């Protein structure tokens, strides 16, 4: 019996955190509620493992990357900080719920593990029961589970696609929100007649009346204002983009297309690409039609699309000019006027994109503003600032970052000084007890580490603004006004706001 008592006694001996510092890492890919609860689950599992293995639980040891996908290491600040602490020999162990929380990419998983092991940091993944302390140089187990973690989302995607296809073959709706014009009843799509009438009206105006997306939108909003039709589901008014989506959706002709797009990883980021048509899964007559296949094909043939497509004039200020009334982008509209001799006078002017899409239902109609006049005014203002700009120009972000770095360094030095004075109080003046000294010193060391972590993250962040040299180059490029200045404008201007009567306000990326 004494043997069992001794074993239990050894189990009951808890290793203090200060003797064996560790970190617990958790990650979720999105901010959805069900994913947020997963974070709590990850922490609970790691805490249970630590306590069962007689390690003192420290809630400050938890490092989280919330709403971050596992595609790249550098995008995850908590993981970056863990690796930095490992390099500084500040930790002895990192605990993960599973390898999938470490990373979904095989290469990244192996790289993180090697970086931690090279710093003599113990790696524990609970679900796979992997512990580098006991596995030694046996990497097969870790590599195998890392491969499974990388393959899981791909297998899940295939399973989901197969489930969707199976539902469609049974005549069931594959899931999500029903398209406008339909409702879901007993897992099947049924026609919502008042909305279906609007869909038929859209195709009729587009196919038979010769109207484009914009004019169809105006017709619908006029009919909506008179109470003749119902409105869209999510907006109070019809928008051009909604009309485009309806016309391009083959479901209104009873056709369901699956596997049209896929995701690939490019430079550590996921990108959606369109699959070749031979990979598409196409199902016919799986739910009631609102329009005929002939009507849909007519609206989506290249010939009719070409007759209604308008070439958008080139806009060097695209994405920078905003409507001061609703905040939408101001876009360039082309216009012309015929002369008596048969020639035409062309000009481009700026218009609120919301007004362009929805007319008076979208926004207000701005006073006529010629694009060339705005372009020249912006160039003149920038050139004026370029002449007045001192050589030691600093942009706002750089100044802010420098101030934060300075404040953090000052705080670290102040804490070190405070720690030195605390030692003097204890050793030389003997004004405080050993217990008081240990408590205060732990607080100061914790504050110091927190400030050092913030300083590390700040210094490792990628610059969000171009440096002073690029700004100077941009000002120099303004001399070539005949060239495309889009990149120059993006470098020097944060936003341009235009009011209804034409008043203009420019926000720069630098301090004038």
Protein backbone atom coordinates (compact mmCIF):
# COMPACT_ATOMS: atom_id res chain seq x y z
CA UNK A 1 0.00 0.00 0.00
CA UNK A 2 2.91 2.33 0.69
CA UNK A 3 3.92 2.04 -2.97
CA UNK A 4 0.51 3.26 -4.12
CA UNK A 5 0.60 6.11 -1.62
CA UNK A 6 4.00 7.16 -2.90
CA UNK A 7 2.76 7.10 -6.52
CA UNK A 8 -0.28 9.17 -5.58
CA UNK A 9 1.92 11.60 -3.65
CA UNK A 10 4.12 12.10 -6.70
CA UNK A 11 1.03 12.70 -8.84
CA UNK A 12 -0.26 15.28 -6.39
CA UNK A 13 2.98 17.28 -6.62
CA UNK A 14 2.22 20.13 -8.99
CA UNK A 15 5.02 21.66 -11.06
CA UNK A 16 4.93 25.46 -10.59
CA UNK A 17 4.55 27.49 -13.75
CA UNK A 18 7.71 29.44 -12.93
CA UNK A 19 9.70 26.18 -12.96
CA UNK A 20 8.24 24.96 -16.24
CA UNK A 21 6.82 27.87 -18.29
CA UNK A 22 4.56 26.77 -21.14
CA UNK A 23 2.12 28.27 -23.64
CA UNK A 24 -1.26 27.04 -24.84
CA UNK A 25 -2.11 27.90 -28.45
CA UNK A 26 -5.62 28.06 -29.89
CA UNK A 27 -6.96 29.13 -33.27
CA UNK A 28 -10.30 29.43 -35.05
CA UNK A 29 -10.73 30.17 -38.73
CA UNK A 30 -13.76 32.47 -38.52
CA UNK A 31 -15.61 34.64 -36.04
CA UNK A 32 -18.83 32.60 -36.25
CA UNK A 33 -20.46 31.79 -32.90
CA UNK A 34 -19.93 28.06 -33.25
CA UNK A 35 -16.25 28.65 -33.96
CA UNK A 36 -15.82 31.00 -31.00
CA UNK A 37 -17.15 28.29 -28.68
CA UNK A 38 -14.48 26.01 -30.17
CA UNK A 39 -11.81 28.23 -28.60
CA UNK A 40 -13.25 27.51 -25.14
CA UNK A 41 -13.20 23.82 -26.00
CA UNK A 42 -9.55 23.98 -27.06
CA UNK A 43 -8.53 25.74 -23.84
CA UNK A 44 -10.49 23.31 -21.63
CA UNK A 45 -8.87 20.29 -23.29
CA UNK A 46 -5.37 21.75 -22.91
CA UNK A 47 -6.01 22.75 -19.30
CA UNK A 48 -7.31 19.26 -18.46
CA UNK A 49 -4.15 17.70 -19.94
CA UNK A 50 -1.87 20.07 -18.02
CA UNK A 51 -3.60 19.50 -14.70
CA UNK A 52 -3.67 15.72 -15.18
CA UNK A 53 0.07 15.86 -15.82
CA UNK A 54 0.62 17.93 -12.65
CA UNK A 55 1.40 21.30 -14.21
CA UNK A 56 0.17 24.46 -12.53
CA UNK A 57 -2.54 26.10 -14.65
CA UNK A 58 -1.77 29.67 -15.70
CA UNK A 59 -4.58 31.47 -17.63
CA UNK A 60 -2.04 34.01 -18.90
CA UNK A 61 -0.32 31.24 -20.86
CA UNK A 62 -3.12 31.11 -23.45
CA UNK A 63 -2.27 32.61 -26.85
CA UNK A 64 -5.10 32.85 -29.38
CA UNK A 65 -5.46 33.69 -33.07
CA UNK A 66 -9.18 34.45 -33.43
CA UNK A 67 -10.79 34.55 -36.88
CA UNK A 68 -7.49 33.71 -38.60
CA UNK A 69 -7.19 30.90 -41.11
CA UNK A 70 -4.26 28.55 -40.85
CA UNK A 71 -2.88 29.35 -44.29
CA UNK A 72 0.23 31.34 -43.37
CA UNK A 73 2.35 31.64 -40.25
CA UNK A 74 3.14 35.33 -40.65
CA UNK A 75 -0.55 36.27 -40.64
CA UNK A 76 -0.92 34.81 -37.15
CA UNK A 77 0.44 37.19 -34.54
CA UNK A 78 0.05 34.82 -31.58
CA UNK A 79 2.01 32.09 -33.35
CA UNK A 80 4.69 34.60 -34.38
CA UNK A 81 5.03 35.67 -30.76
CA UNK A 82 5.26 32.05 -29.56
CA UNK A 83 8.12 31.39 -31.98
CA UNK A 84 9.89 34.53 -30.77
CA UNK A 85 9.55 33.44 -27.12
CA UNK A 86 10.94 30.04 -28.11
CA UNK A 87 13.97 31.68 -29.71
CA UNK A 88 14.53 33.71 -26.53
CA UNK A 89 14.35 30.50 -24.43
CA UNK A 90 11.45 31.96 -22.39
CA UNK A 91 9.28 28.81 -22.63
CA UNK A 92 9.81 25.08 -22.27
CA UNK A 93 6.62 23.69 -23.79
CA UNK A 94 3.77 24.55 -26.20
CA UNK A 95 0.47 22.65 -25.95
CA UNK A 96 -2.03 22.32 -28.82
CA UNK A 97 -5.43 20.65 -28.81
CA UNK A 98 -4.58 19.10 -32.19
CA UNK A 99 -2.21 19.46 -35.10
CA UNK A 100 -5.03 21.01 -37.15
CA UNK A 101 -5.02 23.97 -34.71
CA UNK A 102 -1.29 24.37 -35.30
CA UNK A 103 -1.72 24.61 -39.08
CA UNK A 104 -3.74 23.05 -41.93
CA UNK A 105 -0.74 23.11 -44.25
CA UNK A 106 1.74 20.22 -44.02
CA UNK A 107 4.75 22.42 -44.79
CA UNK A 108 3.77 24.99 -42.14
CA UNK A 109 3.14 22.30 -39.50
CA UNK A 110 6.57 20.77 -39.98
CA UNK A 111 8.25 24.18 -40.07
CA UNK A 112 6.63 25.31 -36.80
CA UNK A 113 7.54 22.03 -35.10
CA UNK A 114 11.17 22.26 -36.25
CA UNK A 115 11.47 25.87 -35.06
CA UNK A 116 10.17 24.92 -31.62
CA UNK A 117 12.28 21.77 -31.28
CA UNK A 118 15.40 23.63 -32.39
CA UNK A 119 14.85 25.96 -29.42
CA UNK A 120 14.49 22.95 -27.06
CA UNK A 121 10.75 23.57 -26.68
CA UNK A 122 8.60 20.55 -26.01
CA UNK A 123 5.67 20.15 -28.45
CA UNK A 124 2.44 18.46 -27.29
CA UNK A 125 -0.67 17.81 -29.42
CA UNK A 126 -3.33 16.20 -27.26
CA UNK A 127 -5.72 14.59 -29.75
CA UNK A 128 -2.91 12.80 -31.58
CA UNK A 129 -1.12 11.97 -28.28
CA UNK A 130 2.09 13.34 -29.71
CA UNK A 131 4.69 14.50 -27.21
CA UNK A 132 8.15 15.36 -28.52
CA UNK A 133 9.63 14.61 -25.08
CA UNK A 134 8.87 10.90 -25.54
CA UNK A 135 8.75 10.60 -29.33
CA UNK A 136 12.35 11.71 -29.65
CA UNK A 137 13.46 11.85 -33.26
CA UNK A 138 10.50 9.77 -34.46
CA UNK A 139 8.81 12.24 -36.83
CA UNK A 140 6.61 9.72 -38.63
CA UNK A 141 3.72 10.13 -36.21
CA UNK A 142 3.71 13.92 -36.40
CA UNK A 143 4.13 13.96 -40.17
CA UNK A 144 1.33 11.43 -40.66
CA UNK A 145 -1.17 13.41 -38.58
CA UNK A 146 -0.05 16.68 -40.21
CA UNK A 147 -0.78 15.13 -43.58
CA UNK A 148 -4.25 14.08 -42.37
CA UNK A 149 -4.88 17.63 -41.06
CA UNK A 150 -3.89 19.09 -44.43
CA UNK A 151 -6.08 16.61 -46.30
CA UNK A 152 -9.12 17.04 -44.05
CA UNK A 153 -10.52 20.28 -45.57
CA UNK A 154 -10.07 18.81 -49.07
CA UNK A 155 -11.89 15.62 -48.10
CA UNK A 156 -14.58 17.67 -46.39
CA UNK A 157 -15.05 19.75 -49.52
CA UNK A 158 -15.47 16.60 -51.62
CA UNK A 159 -17.97 15.18 -49.10
CA UNK A 160 -19.99 18.40 -49.04
CA UNK A 161 -20.03 18.54 -52.86
CA UNK A 162 -21.18 14.92 -53.02
CA UNK A 163 -23.90 15.62 -50.42
CA UNK A 164 -25.11 18.63 -52.40
CA UNK A 165 -25.21 16.60 -55.61
CA UNK A 166 -27.14 13.82 -53.86
CA UNK A 167 -29.70 16.32 -52.56
CA UNK A 168 -30.16 17.85 -56.01
CA UNK A 169 -30.66 14.42 -57.59
CA UNK A 170 -33.44 13.78 -55.08
CA UNK A 171 -35.03 17.08 -56.05
CA UNK A 172 -34.11 18.70 -52.73
CA UNK A 173 -32.64 22.16 -52.29
CA UNK A 174 -28.95 21.82 -51.45
CA UNK A 175 -29.09 24.30 -48.55
CA UNK A 176 -28.71 27.95 -47.68
CA UNK A 177 -31.09 30.77 -48.58
CA UNK A 178 -33.58 30.10 -51.34
CA UNK A 179 -33.14 32.28 -54.46
CA UNK A 180 -35.50 35.23 -54.90
CA UNK A 181 -38.75 33.90 -56.34
CA UNK A 182 -38.62 30.63 -54.41
CA UNK A 183 -39.37 29.32 -50.94
CA UNK A 184 -38.30 26.08 -49.27
CA UNK A 185 -41.01 23.59 -48.30
CA UNK A 186 -40.22 20.08 -47.11
CA UNK A 187 -36.63 20.50 -48.39
CA UNK A 188 -37.90 21.31 -51.90
CA UNK A 189 -38.08 24.61 -53.77
CA UNK A 190 -41.54 25.94 -54.55
CA UNK A 191 -42.39 29.08 -56.49
CA UNK A 192 -43.26 32.26 -54.56
CA UNK A 193 -45.64 33.69 -57.14
CA UNK A 194 -45.46 37.44 -56.29
CA UNK A 195 -41.65 37.34 -56.49
CA UNK A 196 -41.69 35.05 -59.54
CA UNK A 197 -43.73 37.69 -61.41
CA UNK A 198 -40.92 40.18 -60.78
CA UNK A 199 -38.35 37.69 -62.14
CA UNK A 200 -40.42 37.22 -65.31
CA UNK A 201 -40.74 40.99 -65.61
CA UNK A 202 -36.94 41.38 -65.37
CA UNK A 203 -36.30 38.90 -68.18
CA UNK A 204 -39.05 40.42 -70.32
CA UNK A 205 -37.66 43.96 -69.96
CA UNK A 206 -34.15 42.72 -70.67
CA UNK A 207 -34.88 40.29 -73.50
CA UNK A 208 -37.91 41.75 -75.26
CA UNK A 209 -37.97 45.47 -74.42
CA UNK A 210 -34.26 45.94 -75.08
CA UNK A 211 -33.48 47.54 -71.70
CA UNK A 212 -30.08 47.26 -70.02
CA UNK A 213 -29.42 46.49 -66.36
CA UNK A 214 -29.63 50.13 -65.30
CA UNK A 215 -32.94 50.85 -67.07
CA UNK A 216 -34.45 47.61 -65.81
CA UNK A 217 -33.54 48.71 -62.28
CA UNK A 218 -35.25 52.08 -62.78
CA UNK A 219 -38.38 50.39 -64.15
CA UNK A 220 -38.58 48.07 -61.16
CA UNK A 221 -38.08 50.85 -58.62
CA UNK A 222 -40.80 52.93 -60.29
CA UNK A 223 -43.19 49.96 -60.18
CA UNK A 224 -42.18 49.30 -56.56
CA UNK A 225 -42.93 52.92 -55.59
CA UNK A 226 -46.42 52.55 -57.11
CA UNK A 227 -47.03 49.32 -55.20
CA UNK A 228 -47.29 47.28 -58.40
CA UNK A 229 -44.57 44.75 -57.48
CA UNK A 230 -42.81 43.43 -54.38
CA UNK A 231 -39.27 44.47 -53.55
CA UNK A 232 -36.04 42.50 -53.14
CA UNK A 233 -35.46 40.39 -50.03
CA UNK A 234 -32.55 42.18 -48.38
CA UNK A 235 -32.85 45.76 -49.67
CA UNK A 236 -35.65 48.27 -49.71
CA UNK A 237 -34.89 49.18 -53.35
CA UNK A 238 -33.72 47.32 -56.43
CA UNK A 239 -30.02 47.52 -57.34
CA UNK A 240 -28.24 46.88 -60.64
CA UNK A 241 -26.14 44.10 -59.08
CA UNK A 242 -29.31 42.29 -57.92
CA UNK A 243 -30.72 42.41 -61.47
CA UNK A 244 -27.44 41.07 -62.87
CA UNK A 245 -27.43 38.19 -60.35
CA UNK A 246 -31.00 37.19 -61.21
CA UNK A 247 -30.43 37.28 -64.97
CA UNK A 248 -27.22 35.23 -64.72
CA UNK A 249 -28.66 32.58 -62.37
CA UNK A 250 -29.68 29.43 -64.33
CA UNK A 251 -31.79 28.17 -61.41
CA UNK A 252 -34.70 30.26 -62.73
CA UNK A 253 -34.70 27.99 -65.78
CA UNK A 254 -34.71 24.86 -63.59
CA UNK A 255 -30.96 24.23 -63.96
CA UNK A 256 -28.56 23.66 -61.04
CA UNK A 257 -24.79 23.96 -61.61
CA UNK A 258 -22.41 22.50 -58.99
CA UNK A 259 -18.60 22.42 -58.81
CA UNK A 260 -18.37 25.58 -60.86
CA UNK A 261 -15.61 27.04 -58.66
CA UNK A 262 -12.79 25.72 -56.53
CA UNK A 263 -10.21 27.18 -54.14
CA UNK A 264 -6.45 27.01 -54.57
CA UNK A 265 -3.62 28.25 -52.40
CA UNK A 266 -1.45 30.95 -53.99
CA UNK A 267 1.39 32.54 -51.98
CA UNK A 268 -0.16 31.32 -48.74
CA UNK A 269 -3.61 32.70 -49.52
CA UNK A 270 -6.76 30.99 -50.73
CA UNK A 271 -8.05 32.11 -54.10
CA UNK A 272 -11.28 31.15 -55.85
CA UNK A 273 -10.91 30.05 -59.46
CA UNK A 274 -13.44 28.92 -62.06
CA UNK A 275 -13.29 25.23 -62.97
CA UNK A 276 -13.28 24.13 -66.63
CA UNK A 277 -16.83 23.47 -67.88
CA UNK A 278 -16.16 19.74 -68.22
CA UNK A 279 -15.83 19.58 -64.39
CA UNK A 280 -19.20 21.19 -63.75
CA UNK A 281 -22.05 19.04 -62.46
CA UNK A 282 -25.25 20.17 -64.23
CA UNK A 283 -28.75 19.03 -63.23
CA UNK A 284 -31.92 19.77 -65.20
CA UNK A 285 -35.56 20.00 -64.06
CA UNK A 286 -34.85 19.32 -60.40
CA UNK A 287 -37.19 22.12 -59.27
CA UNK A 288 -39.99 24.22 -60.87
CA UNK A 289 -38.99 26.74 -63.54
CA UNK A 290 -39.93 30.40 -63.39
CA UNK A 291 -38.72 31.09 -66.95
CA UNK A 292 -37.93 28.84 -69.90
CA UNK A 293 -34.43 27.69 -70.82
CA UNK A 294 -34.78 29.66 -74.08
CA UNK A 295 -35.42 32.89 -72.17
CA UNK A 296 -32.39 32.36 -69.96
CA UNK A 297 -30.12 31.46 -72.88
CA UNK A 298 -31.27 34.52 -74.80
CA UNK A 299 -30.40 36.79 -71.86
CA UNK A 300 -26.99 35.18 -71.44
CA UNK A 301 -25.79 34.74 -75.03
CA UNK A 302 -22.71 36.68 -76.01
CA UNK A 303 -24.52 38.54 -78.78
CA UNK A 304 -27.11 40.21 -76.54
CA UNK A 305 -24.54 40.88 -73.82
CA UNK A 306 -22.26 42.59 -76.33
CA UNK A 307 -25.03 44.94 -77.51
CA UNK A 308 -25.70 46.06 -73.94
CA UNK A 309 -22.15 46.31 -72.69
CA UNK A 310 -20.79 49.82 -72.35
CA UNK A 311 -17.07 50.51 -72.24
CA UNK A 312 -16.24 52.21 -68.94
CA UNK A 313 -13.98 55.24 -69.43
CA UNK A 314 -10.51 55.00 -67.91
CA UNK A 315 -10.45 56.42 -64.38
CA UNK A 316 -7.11 57.17 -62.72
CA UNK A 317 -8.93 58.16 -59.51
CA UNK A 318 -10.87 54.88 -59.24
CA UNK A 319 -11.46 53.73 -55.69
CA UNK A 320 -10.34 57.08 -54.26
CA UNK A 321 -13.25 59.39 -55.04
CA UNK A 322 -16.28 58.92 -52.77
CA UNK A 323 -19.74 60.45 -52.66
CA UNK A 324 -19.95 62.62 -49.55
CA UNK A 325 -23.68 61.88 -49.26
CA UNK A 326 -23.79 58.06 -49.20
CA UNK A 327 -20.11 57.02 -49.22
CA UNK A 328 -20.27 55.09 -52.51
CA UNK A 329 -17.57 55.33 -55.17
CA UNK A 330 -17.82 58.11 -57.74
CA UNK A 331 -17.46 56.56 -61.18
CA UNK A 332 -16.78 58.04 -64.61
CA UNK A 333 -19.71 58.24 -67.04
CA UNK A 334 -19.23 58.92 -70.72
CA UNK A 335 -21.60 61.34 -72.47
CA UNK A 336 -21.84 63.03 -75.87
CA UNK A 337 -23.83 65.64 -77.73
CA UNK A 338 -24.44 65.75 -81.48
CA UNK A 339 -23.60 68.96 -83.38
CA UNK A 340 -25.44 70.33 -86.39
CA UNK A 341 -22.64 69.22 -88.69
CA UNK A 342 -23.10 65.61 -87.55
CA UNK A 343 -20.01 65.44 -85.35
CA UNK A 344 -20.21 64.62 -81.66
CA UNK A 345 -18.78 66.32 -78.59
CA UNK A 346 -17.64 63.77 -75.98
CA UNK A 347 -16.89 64.34 -72.32
CA UNK A 348 -16.54 62.28 -69.14
CA UNK A 349 -18.09 63.28 -65.86
CA UNK A 350 -18.22 61.84 -62.32
CA UNK A 351 -21.42 60.34 -60.93
CA UNK A 352 -22.25 58.56 -57.66
CA UNK A 353 -22.30 54.81 -58.37
CA UNK A 354 -25.36 54.32 -56.11
CA UNK A 355 -27.28 56.97 -58.08
CA UNK A 356 -26.08 55.43 -61.32
CA UNK A 357 -27.39 52.01 -60.25
CA UNK A 358 -30.62 53.01 -58.58
CA UNK A 359 -31.39 56.60 -59.63
CA UNK A 360 -33.10 58.73 -56.98
CA UNK A 361 -33.74 55.55 -55.01
CA UNK A 362 -30.00 55.04 -54.62
CA UNK A 363 -28.61 58.50 -53.87
CA UNK A 364 -28.70 62.13 -55.04
CA UNK A 365 -27.72 63.42 -58.45
CA UNK A 366 -24.54 65.46 -58.14
CA UNK A 367 -23.97 68.67 -60.02
CA UNK A 368 -22.16 67.92 -63.33
CA UNK A 369 -18.47 67.43 -62.53
CA UNK A 370 -16.10 66.85 -65.43
CA UNK A 371 -13.52 64.15 -64.77
CA UNK A 372 -10.66 66.09 -66.42
CA UNK A 373 -11.36 69.14 -64.27
CA UNK A 374 -11.22 67.08 -61.06
CA UNK A 375 -8.07 65.31 -62.23
CA UNK A 376 -6.34 68.61 -62.95
CA UNK A 377 -7.46 70.11 -59.64
CA UNK A 378 -6.10 67.10 -57.71
CA UNK A 379 -2.77 67.31 -59.57
CA UNK A 380 -2.50 71.05 -58.83
CA UNK A 381 -3.15 70.56 -55.11
CA UNK A 382 -0.64 67.73 -54.90
CA UNK A 383 2.01 69.73 -56.77
CA UNK A 384 1.45 72.63 -54.38
CA UNK A 385 2.01 70.36 -51.39
CA UNK A 386 5.06 68.88 -53.13
CA UNK A 387 6.68 72.30 -53.38
CA UNK A 388 5.84 73.15 -49.78
CA UNK A 389 6.85 69.77 -48.36
CA UNK A 390 9.98 69.74 -46.15
CA UNK A 391 12.69 67.23 -46.98
CA UNK A 392 12.17 65.36 -43.70
CA UNK A 393 8.61 64.40 -44.64
CA UNK A 394 7.07 61.64 -42.53
CA UNK A 395 3.73 60.06 -43.17
CA UNK A 396 1.20 59.75 -40.37
CA UNK A 397 1.51 56.00 -39.94
CA UNK A 398 5.28 56.15 -39.62
CA UNK A 399 5.03 58.90 -37.01
CA UNK A 400 2.42 56.97 -35.06
CA UNK A 401 4.49 53.79 -35.13
CA UNK A 402 7.63 55.61 -34.04
CA UNK A 403 5.74 57.18 -31.13
CA UNK A 404 4.35 53.80 -30.04
CA UNK A 405 7.84 52.26 -30.21
CA UNK A 406 9.28 55.15 -28.22
CA UNK A 407 6.55 54.88 -25.57
CA UNK A 408 7.01 51.12 -25.24
CA UNK A 409 10.79 51.43 -24.95
CA UNK A 410 10.36 54.12 -22.31
CA UNK A 411 7.91 51.90 -20.42
CA UNK A 412 10.33 48.95 -20.53
CA UNK A 413 13.17 51.12 -19.21
CA UNK A 414 10.91 52.52 -16.46
CA UNK A 415 9.93 48.98 -15.41
CA UNK A 416 13.58 47.92 -15.33
CA UNK A 417 14.35 50.93 -13.16
CA UNK A 418 11.43 50.07 -10.92
CA UNK A 419 12.73 46.51 -10.60
CA UNK A 420 16.20 47.83 -9.68
CA UNK A 421 14.77 50.07 -6.96
CA UNK A 422 12.72 47.14 -5.64
CA UNK A 423 15.90 45.07 -5.27
CA UNK A 424 17.55 47.95 -3.40
CA UNK A 425 14.56 48.20 -1.04
CA UNK A 426 14.81 44.50 -0.27
CA UNK A 427 18.58 43.87 -0.18
CA UNK A 428 20.06 47.17 0.94
CA UNK A 429 17.38 49.08 2.82
CA UNK A 430 15.50 45.93 3.98
CA UNK A 431 12.20 47.87 4.01
CA UNK A 432 10.10 45.05 2.57
CA UNK A 433 9.79 41.36 3.34
CA UNK A 434 10.87 38.54 1.04
CA UNK A 435 7.22 37.66 0.28
CA UNK A 436 6.41 41.28 -0.66
CA UNK A 437 9.55 41.42 -2.79
CA UNK A 438 8.66 38.25 -4.71
CA UNK A 439 5.06 39.38 -5.38
CA UNK A 440 6.08 42.84 -6.63
CA UNK A 441 8.96 41.48 -8.68
CA UNK A 442 6.63 38.96 -10.41
CA UNK A 443 4.23 41.81 -11.27
CA UNK A 444 7.02 43.97 -12.70
CA UNK A 445 8.48 41.07 -14.74
CA UNK A 446 5.03 40.25 -16.14
CA UNK A 447 4.46 43.90 -17.15
CA UNK A 448 7.93 44.04 -18.69
CA UNK A 449 7.37 40.90 -20.77
CA UNK A 450 4.00 42.20 -21.94
CA UNK A 451 5.56 45.48 -23.10
CA UNK A 452 8.42 43.60 -24.80
CA UNK A 453 5.90 41.37 -26.60
CA UNK A 454 3.99 44.43 -27.85
CA UNK A 455 7.25 45.99 -29.04
CA UNK A 456 8.20 42.81 -30.90
CA UNK A 457 4.82 42.59 -32.66
CA UNK A 458 5.00 46.27 -33.56
CA UNK A 459 8.46 45.94 -35.05
CA UNK A 460 7.52 42.78 -36.98
CA UNK A 461 4.36 44.24 -38.53
CA UNK A 462 4.45 44.90 -42.25
CA UNK A 463 4.37 48.61 -43.12
CA UNK A 464 0.90 49.65 -44.19
CA UNK A 465 2.08 52.90 -45.75
CA UNK A 466 4.77 53.56 -48.29
CA UNK A 467 7.95 55.07 -46.93
CA UNK A 468 9.15 58.63 -47.47
CA UNK A 469 11.26 57.74 -50.50
CA UNK A 470 8.26 56.35 -52.38
CA UNK A 471 6.24 59.45 -51.51
CA UNK A 472 8.98 61.67 -52.92
CA UNK A 473 9.06 59.57 -56.10
CA UNK A 474 5.30 59.96 -56.40
CA UNK A 475 5.59 63.74 -56.19
CA UNK A 476 8.27 63.68 -58.88
CA UNK A 477 6.00 61.59 -61.14
CA UNK A 478 3.34 64.32 -61.00
CA UNK A 479 5.41 66.29 -63.51
CA UNK A 480 4.40 63.78 -66.21
CA UNK A 481 0.70 64.67 -66.28
CA UNK A 482 0.20 62.95 -69.63
CA UNK A 483 1.03 59.56 -68.06
CA UNK A 484 -1.32 57.26 -66.15
CA UNK A 485 -1.14 58.57 -62.56
CA UNK A 486 -3.31 55.95 -60.85
CA UNK A 487 -0.46 54.52 -58.73
CA UNK A 488 0.75 58.04 -57.90
CA UNK A 489 -2.71 59.04 -56.68
CA UNK A 490 -2.97 55.83 -54.61
CA UNK A 491 0.37 56.61 -52.95
CA UNK A 492 -0.45 60.20 -52.04
CA UNK A 493 -4.22 60.20 -51.48
CA UNK A 494 -6.28 58.28 -48.96
CA UNK A 495 -9.70 59.53 -50.06
CA UNK A 496 -11.43 62.30 -52.03
CA UNK A 497 -14.98 63.24 -51.02
CA UNK A 498 -17.30 65.15 -53.35
CA UNK A 499 -20.51 66.81 -52.14
CA UNK A 500 -23.75 67.14 -54.07
CA UNK A 501 -22.96 70.66 -55.29
CA UNK A 502 -19.39 69.76 -56.26
CA UNK A 503 -17.44 70.74 -53.13
CA UNK A 504 -14.28 68.67 -52.81
CA UNK A 505 -12.28 67.49 -49.78
CA UNK A 506 -9.01 65.58 -50.06
CA UNK A 507 -7.52 63.36 -47.34
CA UNK A 508 -3.83 62.67 -47.93
CA UNK A 509 -1.66 59.73 -46.85
CA UNK A 510 0.93 62.22 -45.59
CA UNK A 511 0.86 65.23 -43.31
CA UNK A 512 0.65 68.41 -45.48
